[in-house]
């Protein structure tokens, strides 16, 4: 899904999101083997969430700091996640 979104954005050039946009991928929420992965769309292209069902959530510009604290726990690269958060999202939520 992340790859398809990046391809669509590249084709349409809407400026809505890009490779460094933060997102969260989740799979099998509530099951014993649930999986949560946070990172950039670029990073999530390579994330293995295992078997379905999968969901992808793009962070809005008004995402709250409390949500960041939770998501950073599941980040592919917590340092990068924090840096992008500070640059693009902090103080808007």
PDB file of N, CA and C in Angstrom:
ATOM      1  N   UNK A   1       0.830  -1.191   0.000  1.00  0.00           N
ATOM      2  CA  UNK A   1       0.000   0.000   0.000  1.00  0.00           C
ATOM      3  C   UNK A   1       0.876   1.257   0.000  1.00  0.00           C
ATOM      4  N   UNK A   2       1.919   1.284   0.859  1.00  0.00           N
ATOM      5  CA  UNK A   2       2.799   2.452   0.920  1.00  0.00           C
ATOM      6  C   UNK A   2       3.446   2.696  -0.435  1.00  0.00           C
ATOM      7  N   UNK A   3       3.893   1.647  -1.076  1.00  0.00           N
ATOM      8  CA  UNK A   3       4.518   1.782  -2.397  1.00  0.00           C
ATOM      9  C   UNK A   3       3.520   2.308  -3.417  1.00  0.00           C
ATOM     10  N   UNK A   4       2.309   1.801  -3.392  1.00  0.00           N
ATOM     11  CA  UNK A   4       1.286   2.257  -4.331  1.00  0.00           C
ATOM     12  C   UNK A   4       0.947   3.728  -4.096  1.00  0.00           C
ATOM     13  N   UNK A   5       0.916   4.141  -2.840  1.00  0.00           N
ATOM     14  CA  UNK A   5       0.630   5.540  -2.534  1.00  0.00           C
ATOM     15  C   UNK A   5       1.729   6.448  -3.080  1.00  0.00           C
ATOM     16  N   UNK A   6       2.980   6.039  -2.907  1.00  0.00           N
ATOM     17  CA  UNK A   6       4.091   6.843  -3.415  1.00  0.00           C
ATOM     18  C   UNK A   6       4.070   6.912  -4.942  1.00  0.00           C
ATOM     19  N   UNK A   7       3.744   5.805  -5.578  1.00  0.00           N
ATOM     20  CA  UNK A   7       3.657   5.791  -7.042  1.00  0.00           C
ATOM     21  C   UNK A   7       2.532   6.701  -7.530  1.00  0.00           C
ATOM     22  N   UNK A   8       1.404   6.658  -6.849  1.00  0.00           N
ATOM     23  CA  UNK A   8       0.268   7.506  -7.220  1.00  0.00           C
ATOM     24  C   UNK A   8       0.609   8.975  -7.036  1.00  0.00           C
ATOM     25  N   UNK A   9       1.247   9.309  -5.922  1.00  0.00           N
ATOM     26  CA  UNK A   9       1.631  10.705  -5.669  1.00  0.00           C
ATOM     27  C   UNK A   9       2.638  11.179  -6.718  1.00  0.00           C
ATOM     28  N   UNK A  10       3.570  10.330  -7.085  1.00  0.00           N
ATOM     29  CA  UNK A  10       4.558  10.685  -8.101  1.00  0.00           C
ATOM     30  C   UNK A  10       3.868  10.964  -9.439  1.00  0.00           C
ATOM     31  N   UNK A  11       2.871  10.158  -9.750  1.00  0.00           N
ATOM     32  CA  UNK A  11       2.148  10.307 -11.012  1.00  0.00           C
ATOM     33  C   UNK A  11       1.272  11.563 -11.014  1.00  0.00           C
ATOM     34  N   UNK A  12       0.565  11.798  -9.917  1.00  0.00           N
ATOM     35  CA  UNK A  12      -0.396  12.909  -9.861  1.00  0.00           C
ATOM     36  C   UNK A  12       0.224  14.234  -9.420  1.00  0.00           C
ATOM     37  N   UNK A  13       1.346  14.155  -8.724  1.00  0.00           N
ATOM     38  CA  UNK A  13       2.064  15.326  -8.237  1.00  0.00           C
ATOM     39  C   UNK A  13       1.151  16.289  -7.462  1.00  0.00           C
ATOM     40  N   UNK A  14       0.393  15.721  -6.524  1.00  0.00           N
ATOM     41  CA  UNK A  14      -0.528  16.522  -5.722  1.00  0.00           C
ATOM     42  C   UNK A  14       0.121  17.203  -4.533  1.00  0.00           C
ATOM     43  N   UNK A  15       1.319  16.771  -4.164  1.00  0.00           N
ATOM     44  CA  UNK A  15       1.990  17.367  -3.015  1.00  0.00           C
ATOM     45  C   UNK A  15       1.332  17.033  -1.685  1.00  0.00           C
ATOM     46  N   UNK A  16       0.565  15.964  -1.665  1.00  0.00           N
ATOM     47  CA  UNK A  16      -0.174  15.579  -0.465  1.00  0.00           C
ATOM     48  C   UNK A  16       0.720  14.842   0.529  1.00  0.00           C
ATOM     49  N   UNK A  17       1.571  13.982   0.047  1.00  0.00           N
ATOM     50  CA  UNK A  17       2.486  13.215   0.888  1.00  0.00           C
ATOM     51  C   UNK A  17       3.676  12.805   0.035  1.00  0.00           C
ATOM     52  N   UNK A  18       4.704  12.279   0.709  1.00  0.00           N
ATOM     53  CA  UNK A  18       5.893  11.864  -0.010  1.00  0.00           C
ATOM     54  C   UNK A  18       6.624  10.779   0.743  1.00  0.00           C
ATOM     55  N   UNK A  19       7.805  10.416   0.282  1.00  0.00           N
ATOM     56  CA  UNK A  19       8.565   9.319   0.895  1.00  0.00           C
ATOM     57  C   UNK A  19       8.854   9.531   2.380  1.00  0.00           C
ATOM     58  N   UNK A  20       8.959  10.796   2.817  1.00  0.00           N
ATOM     59  CA  UNK A  20       9.278  11.078   4.211  1.00  0.00           C
ATOM     60  C   UNK A  20       8.040  11.345   5.072  1.00  0.00           C
ATOM     61  N   UNK A  21       6.854  11.167   4.523  1.00  0.00           N
ATOM     62  CA  UNK A  21       5.625  11.314   5.309  1.00  0.00           C
ATOM     63  C   UNK A  21       5.532  10.165   6.301  1.00  0.00           C
ATOM     64  N   UNK A  22       5.136  10.473   7.517  1.00  0.00           N
ATOM     65  CA  UNK A  22       5.036   9.440   8.553  1.00  0.00           C
ATOM     66  C   UNK A  22       3.713   8.699   8.466  1.00  0.00           C
ATOM     67  N   UNK A  23       3.783   7.412   8.757  1.00  0.00           N
ATOM     68  CA  UNK A  23       2.603   6.549   8.700  1.00  0.00           C
ATOM     69  C   UNK A  23       2.784   5.395   9.678  1.00  0.00           C
ATOM     70  N   UNK A  24       1.687   4.680   9.922  1.00  0.00           N
ATOM     71  CA  UNK A  24       1.701   3.504  10.787  1.00  0.00           C
ATOM     72  C   UNK A  24       1.027   2.363  10.040  1.00  0.00           C
ATOM     73  N   UNK A  25       1.700   1.234   9.992  1.00  0.00           N
ATOM     74  CA  UNK A  25       1.126   0.028   9.423  1.00  0.00           C
ATOM     75  C   UNK A  25       0.740  -0.903  10.556  1.00  0.00           C
ATOM     76  N   UNK A  26      -0.456  -1.447  10.482  1.00  0.00           N
ATOM     77  CA  UNK A  26      -0.903  -2.389  11.516  1.00  0.00           C
ATOM     78  C   UNK A  26      -1.463  -3.636  10.839  1.00  0.00           C
ATOM     79  N   UNK A  27      -1.329  -4.755  11.531  1.00  0.00           N
ATOM     80  CA  UNK A  27      -1.862  -6.015  11.012  1.00  0.00           C
ATOM     81  C   UNK A  27      -2.458  -6.815  12.163  1.00  0.00           C
ATOM     82  N   UNK A  28      -3.604  -7.410  11.885  1.00  0.00           N
ATOM     83  CA  UNK A  28      -4.265  -8.317  12.822  1.00  0.00           C
ATOM     84  C   UNK A  28      -4.474  -7.700  14.212  1.00  0.00           C
ATOM     85  N   UNK A  29      -4.932  -6.457  14.247  1.00  0.00           N
ATOM     86  CA  UNK A  29      -5.124  -5.738  15.509  1.00  0.00           C
ATOM     87  C   UNK A  29      -6.043  -6.523  16.434  1.00  0.00           C
ATOM     88  N   UNK A  30      -5.586  -6.709  17.659  1.00  0.00           N
ATOM     89  CA  UNK A  30      -6.352  -7.426  18.669  1.00  0.00           C
ATOM     90  C   UNK A  30      -6.028  -8.910  18.759  1.00  0.00           C
ATOM     91  N   UNK A  31      -5.345  -9.434  17.752  1.00  0.00           N
ATOM     92  CA  UNK A  31      -4.962 -10.848  17.766  1.00  0.00           C
ATOM     93  C   UNK A  31      -3.646 -11.005  18.533  1.00  0.00           C
ATOM     94  N   UNK A  32      -3.343 -12.224  18.935  1.00  0.00           N
ATOM     95  CA  UNK A  32      -2.108 -12.491  19.660  1.00  0.00           C
ATOM     96  C   UNK A  32      -0.873 -12.134  18.845  1.00  0.00           C
ATOM     97  N   UNK A  33      -0.974 -12.231  17.535  1.00  0.00           N
ATOM     98  CA  UNK A  33       0.184 -11.955  16.676  1.00  0.00           C
ATOM     99  C   UNK A  33       0.079 -10.600  15.971  1.00  0.00           C
ATOM    100  N   UNK A  34      -0.631  -9.652  16.586  1.00  0.00           N
ATOM    101  CA  UNK A  34      -0.758  -8.339  15.954  1.00  0.00           C
ATOM    102  C   UNK A  34       0.614  -7.712  15.737  1.00  0.00           C
ATOM    103  N   UNK A  35       0.689  -6.844  14.749  1.00  0.00           N
ATOM    104  CA  UNK A  35       1.949  -6.198  14.399  1.00  0.00           C
ATOM    105  C   UNK A  35       1.680  -4.716  14.170  1.00  0.00           C
ATOM    106  N   UNK A  36       2.555  -3.865  14.720  1.00  0.00           N
ATOM    107  CA  UNK A  36       2.481  -2.421  14.532  1.00  0.00           C
ATOM    108  C   UNK A  36       3.864  -1.953  14.106  1.00  0.00           C
ATOM    109  N   UNK A  37       3.925  -1.191  13.015  1.00  0.00           N
ATOM    110  CA  UNK A  37       5.193  -0.649  12.524  1.00  0.00           C
ATOM    111  C   UNK A  37       4.948   0.803  12.125  1.00  0.00           C
ATOM    112  N   UNK A  38       5.779   1.705  12.640  1.00  0.00           N
ATOM    113  CA  UNK A  38       5.676   3.127  12.305  1.00  0.00           C
ATOM    114  C   UNK A  38       6.940   3.557  11.581  1.00  0.00           C
ATOM    115  N   UNK A  39       6.789   4.523  10.699  1.00  0.00           N
ATOM    116  CA  UNK A  39       7.945   5.050   9.984  1.00  0.00           C
ATOM    117  C   UNK A  39       7.511   5.891   8.806  1.00  0.00           C
ATOM    118  N   UNK A  40       8.453   6.186   7.945  1.00  0.00           N
ATOM    119  CA  UNK A  40       8.130   6.920   6.733  1.00  0.00           C
ATOM    120  C   UNK A  40       7.465   5.980   5.737  1.00  0.00           C
ATOM    121  N   UNK A  41       6.764   6.547   4.783  1.00  0.00           N
ATOM    122  CA  UNK A  41       6.179   5.702   3.737  1.00  0.00           C
ATOM    123  C   UNK A  41       7.270   4.904   3.038  1.00  0.00           C
ATOM    124  N   UNK A  42       8.407   5.527   2.845  1.00  0.00           N
ATOM    125  CA  UNK A  42       9.535   4.843   2.219  1.00  0.00           C
ATOM    126  C   UNK A  42       9.967   3.620   3.033  1.00  0.00           C
ATOM    127  N   UNK A  43      10.060   3.767   4.342  1.00  0.00           N
ATOM    128  CA  UNK A  43      10.447   2.644   5.207  1.00  0.00           C
ATOM    129  C   UNK A  43       9.381   1.567   5.228  1.00  0.00           C
ATOM    130  N   UNK A  44       8.122   1.984   5.225  1.00  0.00           N
ATOM    131  CA  UNK A  44       7.035   1.005   5.302  1.00  0.00           C
ATOM    132  C   UNK A  44       6.894   0.183   4.026  1.00  0.00           C
ATOM    133  N   UNK A  45       7.472   0.671   2.930  1.00  0.00           N
ATOM    134  CA  UNK A  45       7.466  -0.120   1.693  1.00  0.00           C
ATOM    135  C   UNK A  45       8.170  -1.461   1.904  1.00  0.00           C
ATOM    136  N   UNK A  46       9.138  -1.494   2.796  1.00  0.00           N
ATOM    137  CA  UNK A  46       9.918  -2.707   3.039  1.00  0.00           C
ATOM    138  C   UNK A  46       9.536  -3.431   4.329  1.00  0.00           C
ATOM    139  N   UNK A  47       8.556  -2.909   5.061  1.00  0.00           N
ATOM    140  CA  UNK A  47       8.163  -3.528   6.328  1.00  0.00           C
ATOM    141  C   UNK A  47       7.365  -4.802   6.085  1.00  0.00           C
ATOM    142  N   UNK A  48       7.667  -5.831   6.850  1.00  0.00           N
ATOM    143  CA  UNK A  48       6.942  -7.100   6.748  1.00  0.00           C
ATOM    144  C   UNK A  48       5.942  -7.166   7.893  1.00  0.00           C
ATOM    145  N   UNK A  49       4.676  -7.020   7.551  1.00  0.00           N
ATOM    146  CA  UNK A  49       3.620  -7.079   8.563  1.00  0.00           C
ATOM    147  C   UNK A  49       3.027  -8.476   8.685  1.00  0.00           C
ATOM    148  N   UNK A  50       3.538  -9.415   7.918  1.00  0.00           N
ATOM    149  CA  UNK A  50       3.020 -10.781   7.990  1.00  0.00           C
ATOM    150  C   UNK A  50       1.707 -10.918   7.239  1.00  0.00           C
ATOM    151  N   UNK A  51       0.954 -11.889   7.658  1.00  0.00           N
ATOM    152  CA  UNK A  51      -0.300 -12.195   6.958  1.00  0.00           C
ATOM    153  C   UNK A  51      -1.354 -11.114   7.195  1.00  0.00           C
ATOM    154  N   UNK A  52      -2.392 -11.039   6.358  1.00  0.00           N
ATOM    155  CA  UNK A  52      -3.453 -10.034   6.493  1.00  0.00           C
ATOM    156  C   UNK A  52      -4.236 -10.220   7.798  1.00  0.00           C
ATOM    157  N   UNK A  53      -4.986  -9.319   8.153  1.00  0.00           N
ATOM    158  CA  UNK A  53      -5.460  -8.090   7.561  1.00  0.00           C
ATOM    159  C   UNK A  53      -4.534  -6.941   7.917  1.00  0.00           C
ATOM    160  N   UNK A  54      -4.282  -6.045   6.942  1.00  0.00           N
ATOM    161  CA  UNK A  54      -3.382  -4.914   7.123  1.00  0.00           C
ATOM    162  C   UNK A  54      -4.139  -3.602   6.984  1.00  0.00           C
ATOM    163  N   UNK A  55      -3.657  -2.595   7.690  1.00  0.00           N
ATOM    164  CA  UNK A  55      -4.158  -1.225   7.535  1.00  0.00           C
ATOM    165  C   UNK A  55      -2.969  -0.291   7.538  1.00  0.00           C
ATOM    166  N   UNK A  56      -3.105   0.821   6.832  1.00  0.00           N
ATOM    167  CA  UNK A  56      -2.073   1.844   6.799  1.00  0.00           C
ATOM    168  C   UNK A  56      -2.723   3.167   7.171  1.00  0.00           C
ATOM    169  N   UNK A  57      -2.121   3.857   8.129  1.00  0.00           N
ATOM    170  CA  UNK A  57      -2.656   5.136   8.597  1.00  0.00           C
ATOM    171  C   UNK A  57      -1.602   6.212   8.357  1.00  0.00           C
ATOM    172  N   UNK A  58      -1.944   7.220   7.564  1.00  0.00           N
ATOM    173  CA  UNK A  58      -1.062   8.371   7.369  1.00  0.00           C
ATOM    174  C   UNK A  58      -1.284   9.356   8.495  1.00  0.00           C
ATOM    175  N   UNK A  59      -0.202   9.912   9.028  1.00  0.00           N
ATOM    176  CA  UNK A  59      -0.335  10.911  10.075  1.00  0.00           C
ATOM    177  C   UNK A  59      -0.792  12.228   9.474  1.00  0.00           C
ATOM    178  N   UNK A  60      -1.765  12.833  10.119  1.00  0.00           N
ATOM    179  CA  UNK A  60      -2.214  14.153   9.709  1.00  0.00           C
ATOM    180  C   UNK A  60      -1.309  15.210  10.320  1.00  0.00           C
ATOM    181  N   UNK A  61      -1.379  16.405   9.807  1.00  0.00           N
ATOM    182  CA  UNK A  61      -0.516  17.479  10.295  1.00  0.00           C
ATOM    183  C   UNK A  61      -0.845  17.858  11.732  1.00  0.00           C
ATOM    184  N   UNK A  62      -2.020  17.502  12.221  1.00  0.00           N
ATOM    185  CA  UNK A  62      -2.415  17.859  13.583  1.00  0.00           C
ATOM    186  C   UNK A  62      -2.349  16.676  14.548  1.00  0.00           C
ATOM    187  N   UNK A  63      -1.468  15.748  14.285  1.00  0.00           N
ATOM    188  CA  UNK A  63      -1.281  14.598  15.168  1.00  0.00           C
ATOM    189  C   UNK A  63      -0.710  15.080  16.498  1.00  0.00           C
ATOM    190  N   UNK A  64      -1.242  14.584  17.580  1.00  0.00           N
ATOM    191  CA  UNK A  64      -0.867  15.035  18.930  1.00  0.00           C
ATOM    192  C   UNK A  64       0.442  14.402  19.400  1.00  0.00           C
ATOM    193  N   UNK A  65       1.176  15.123  20.245  1.00  0.00           N
ATOM    194  CA  UNK A  65       2.442  14.619  20.795  1.00  0.00           C
ATOM    195  C   UNK A  65       2.269  13.292  21.532  1.00  0.00           C
ATOM    196  N   UNK A  66       1.141  13.089  22.177  1.00  0.00           N
ATOM    197  CA  UNK A  66       0.897  11.831  22.891  1.00  0.00           C
ATOM    198  C   UNK A  66       0.859  10.662  21.902  1.00  0.00           C
ATOM    199  N   UNK A  67       0.299  10.909  20.735  1.00  0.00           N
ATOM    200  CA  UNK A  67       0.274   9.880  19.695  1.00  0.00           C
ATOM    201  C   UNK A  67       1.686   9.586  19.199  1.00  0.00           C
ATOM    202  N   UNK A  68       2.512  10.629  19.077  1.00  0.00           N
ATOM    203  CA  UNK A  68       3.901  10.438  18.661  1.00  0.00           C
ATOM    204  C   UNK A  68       4.635   9.543  19.640  1.00  0.00           C
ATOM    205  N   UNK A  69       4.446   9.764  20.922  1.00  0.00           N
ATOM    206  CA  UNK A  69       5.120   8.943  21.936  1.00  0.00           C
ATOM    207  C   UNK A  69       4.788   7.470  21.743  1.00  0.00           C
ATOM    208  N   UNK A  70       3.534   7.169  21.470  1.00  0.00           N
ATOM    209  CA  UNK A  70       3.119   5.785  21.251  1.00  0.00           C
ATOM    210  C   UNK A  70       3.745   5.227  19.970  1.00  0.00           C
ATOM    211  N   UNK A  71       3.625   5.986  18.883  1.00  0.00           N
ATOM    212  CA  UNK A  71       4.104   5.498  17.586  1.00  0.00           C
ATOM    213  C   UNK A  71       5.615   5.316  17.548  1.00  0.00           C
ATOM    214  N   UNK A  72       6.338   6.188  18.230  1.00  0.00           N
ATOM    215  CA  UNK A  72       7.797   6.100  18.190  1.00  0.00           C
ATOM    216  C   UNK A  72       8.291   4.794  18.809  1.00  0.00           C
ATOM    217  N   UNK A  73       7.511   4.212  19.698  1.00  0.00           N
ATOM    218  CA  UNK A  73       7.851   2.911  20.289  1.00  0.00           C
ATOM    219  C   UNK A  73       7.921   1.813  19.219  1.00  0.00           C
ATOM    220  N   UNK A  74       7.187   2.000  18.133  1.00  0.00           N
ATOM    221  CA  UNK A  74       7.100   0.995  17.071  1.00  0.00           C
ATOM    222  C   UNK A  74       7.837   1.423  15.801  1.00  0.00           C
ATOM    223  N   UNK A  75       8.628   2.477  15.889  1.00  0.00           N
ATOM    224  CA  UNK A  75       9.286   3.031  14.699  1.00  0.00           C
ATOM    225  C   UNK A  75      10.381   2.113  14.169  1.00  0.00           C
ATOM    226  N   UNK A  76      10.463   2.030  12.851  1.00  0.00           N
ATOM    227  CA  UNK A  76      11.543   1.307  12.182  1.00  0.00           C
ATOM    228  C   UNK A  76      12.874   1.913  12.618  1.00  0.00           C
ATOM    229  N   UNK A  77      12.937   3.245  12.629  1.00  0.00           N
ATOM    230  CA  UNK A  77      14.130   3.995  13.035  1.00  0.00           C
ATOM    231  C   UNK A  77      13.657   5.118  13.962  1.00  0.00           C
ATOM    232  N   UNK A  78      13.634   4.876  15.283  1.00  0.00           N
ATOM    233  CA  UNK A  78      13.093   5.866  16.220  1.00  0.00           C
ATOM    234  C   UNK A  78      13.743   7.250  16.126  1.00  0.00           C
ATOM    235  N   UNK A  79      15.038   7.304  15.878  1.00  0.00           N
ATOM    236  CA  UNK A  79      15.717   8.599  15.767  1.00  0.00           C
ATOM    237  C   UNK A  79      15.218   9.378  14.551  1.00  0.00           C
ATOM    238  N   UNK A  80      15.117   8.693  13.418  1.00  0.00           N
ATOM    239  CA  UNK A  80      14.615   9.326  12.195  1.00  0.00           C
ATOM    240  C   UNK A  80      13.166   9.747  12.369  1.00  0.00           C
ATOM    241  N   UNK A  81      12.373   8.904  12.982  1.00  0.00           N
ATOM    242  CA  UNK A  81      10.967   9.211  13.234  1.00  0.00           C
ATOM    243  C   UNK A  81      10.861  10.500  14.047  1.00  0.00           C
ATOM    244  N   UNK A  82      11.656  10.598  15.120  1.00  0.00           N
ATOM    245  CA  UNK A  82      11.639  11.782  15.969  1.00  0.00           C
ATOM    246  C   UNK A  82      12.069  13.035  15.233  1.00  0.00           C
ATOM    247  N   UNK A  83      13.080  12.915  14.385  1.00  0.00           N
ATOM    248  CA  UNK A  83      13.570  14.064  13.616  1.00  0.00           C
ATOM    249  C   UNK A  83      12.506  14.554  12.643  1.00  0.00           C
ATOM    250  N   UNK A  84      11.900  13.646  11.911  1.00  0.00           N
ATOM    251  CA  UNK A  84      10.859  14.038  10.953  1.00  0.00           C
ATOM    252  C   UNK A  84       9.660  14.606  11.685  1.00  0.00           C
ATOM    253  N   UNK A  85       9.305  14.027  12.817  1.00  0.00           N
ATOM    254  CA  UNK A  85       8.205  14.549  13.619  1.00  0.00           C
ATOM    255  C   UNK A  85       8.469  16.011  13.976  1.00  0.00           C
ATOM    256  N   UNK A  86       9.671  16.269  14.485  1.00  0.00           N
ATOM    257  CA  UNK A  86      10.033  17.620  14.907  1.00  0.00           C
ATOM    258  C   UNK A  86       9.962  18.597  13.725  1.00  0.00           C
ATOM    259  N   UNK A  87      10.451  18.174  12.572  1.00  0.00           N
ATOM    260  CA  UNK A  87      10.486  19.037  11.393  1.00  0.00           C
ATOM    261  C   UNK A  87       9.117  19.283  10.776  1.00  0.00           C
ATOM    262  N   UNK A  88       8.249  18.266  10.769  1.00  0.00           N
ATOM    263  CA  UNK A  88       7.019  18.367   9.985  1.00  0.00           C
ATOM    264  C   UNK A  88       5.714  18.380  10.776  1.00  0.00           C
ATOM    265  N   UNK A  89       5.740  17.901  12.032  1.00  0.00           N
ATOM    266  CA  UNK A  89       4.476  17.712  12.738  1.00  0.00           C
ATOM    267  C   UNK A  89       4.401  18.422  14.094  1.00  0.00           C
ATOM    268  N   UNK A  90       5.521  18.627  14.768  1.00  0.00           N
ATOM    269  CA  UNK A  90       5.530  19.133  16.144  1.00  0.00           C
ATOM    270  C   UNK A  90       4.840  20.478  16.260  1.00  0.00           C
ATOM    271  N   UNK A  91       4.040  20.601  17.323  1.00  0.00           N
ATOM    272  CA  UNK A  91       3.372  21.856  17.627  1.00  0.00           C
ATOM    273  C   UNK A  91       2.142  22.167  16.819  1.00  0.00           C
ATOM    274  N   UNK A  92       1.736  21.261  15.946  1.00  0.00           N
ATOM    275  CA  UNK A  92       0.560  21.510  15.092  1.00  0.00           C
ATOM    276  C   UNK A  92      -0.688  20.816  15.616  1.00  0.00           C
ATOM    277  N   UNK A  93      -0.503  19.871  16.546  1.00  0.00           N
ATOM    278  CA  UNK A  93      -1.636  19.070  16.997  1.00  0.00           C
ATOM    279  C   UNK A  93      -2.327  19.529  18.203  1.00  0.00           C
TER     280      UNK A  93
END
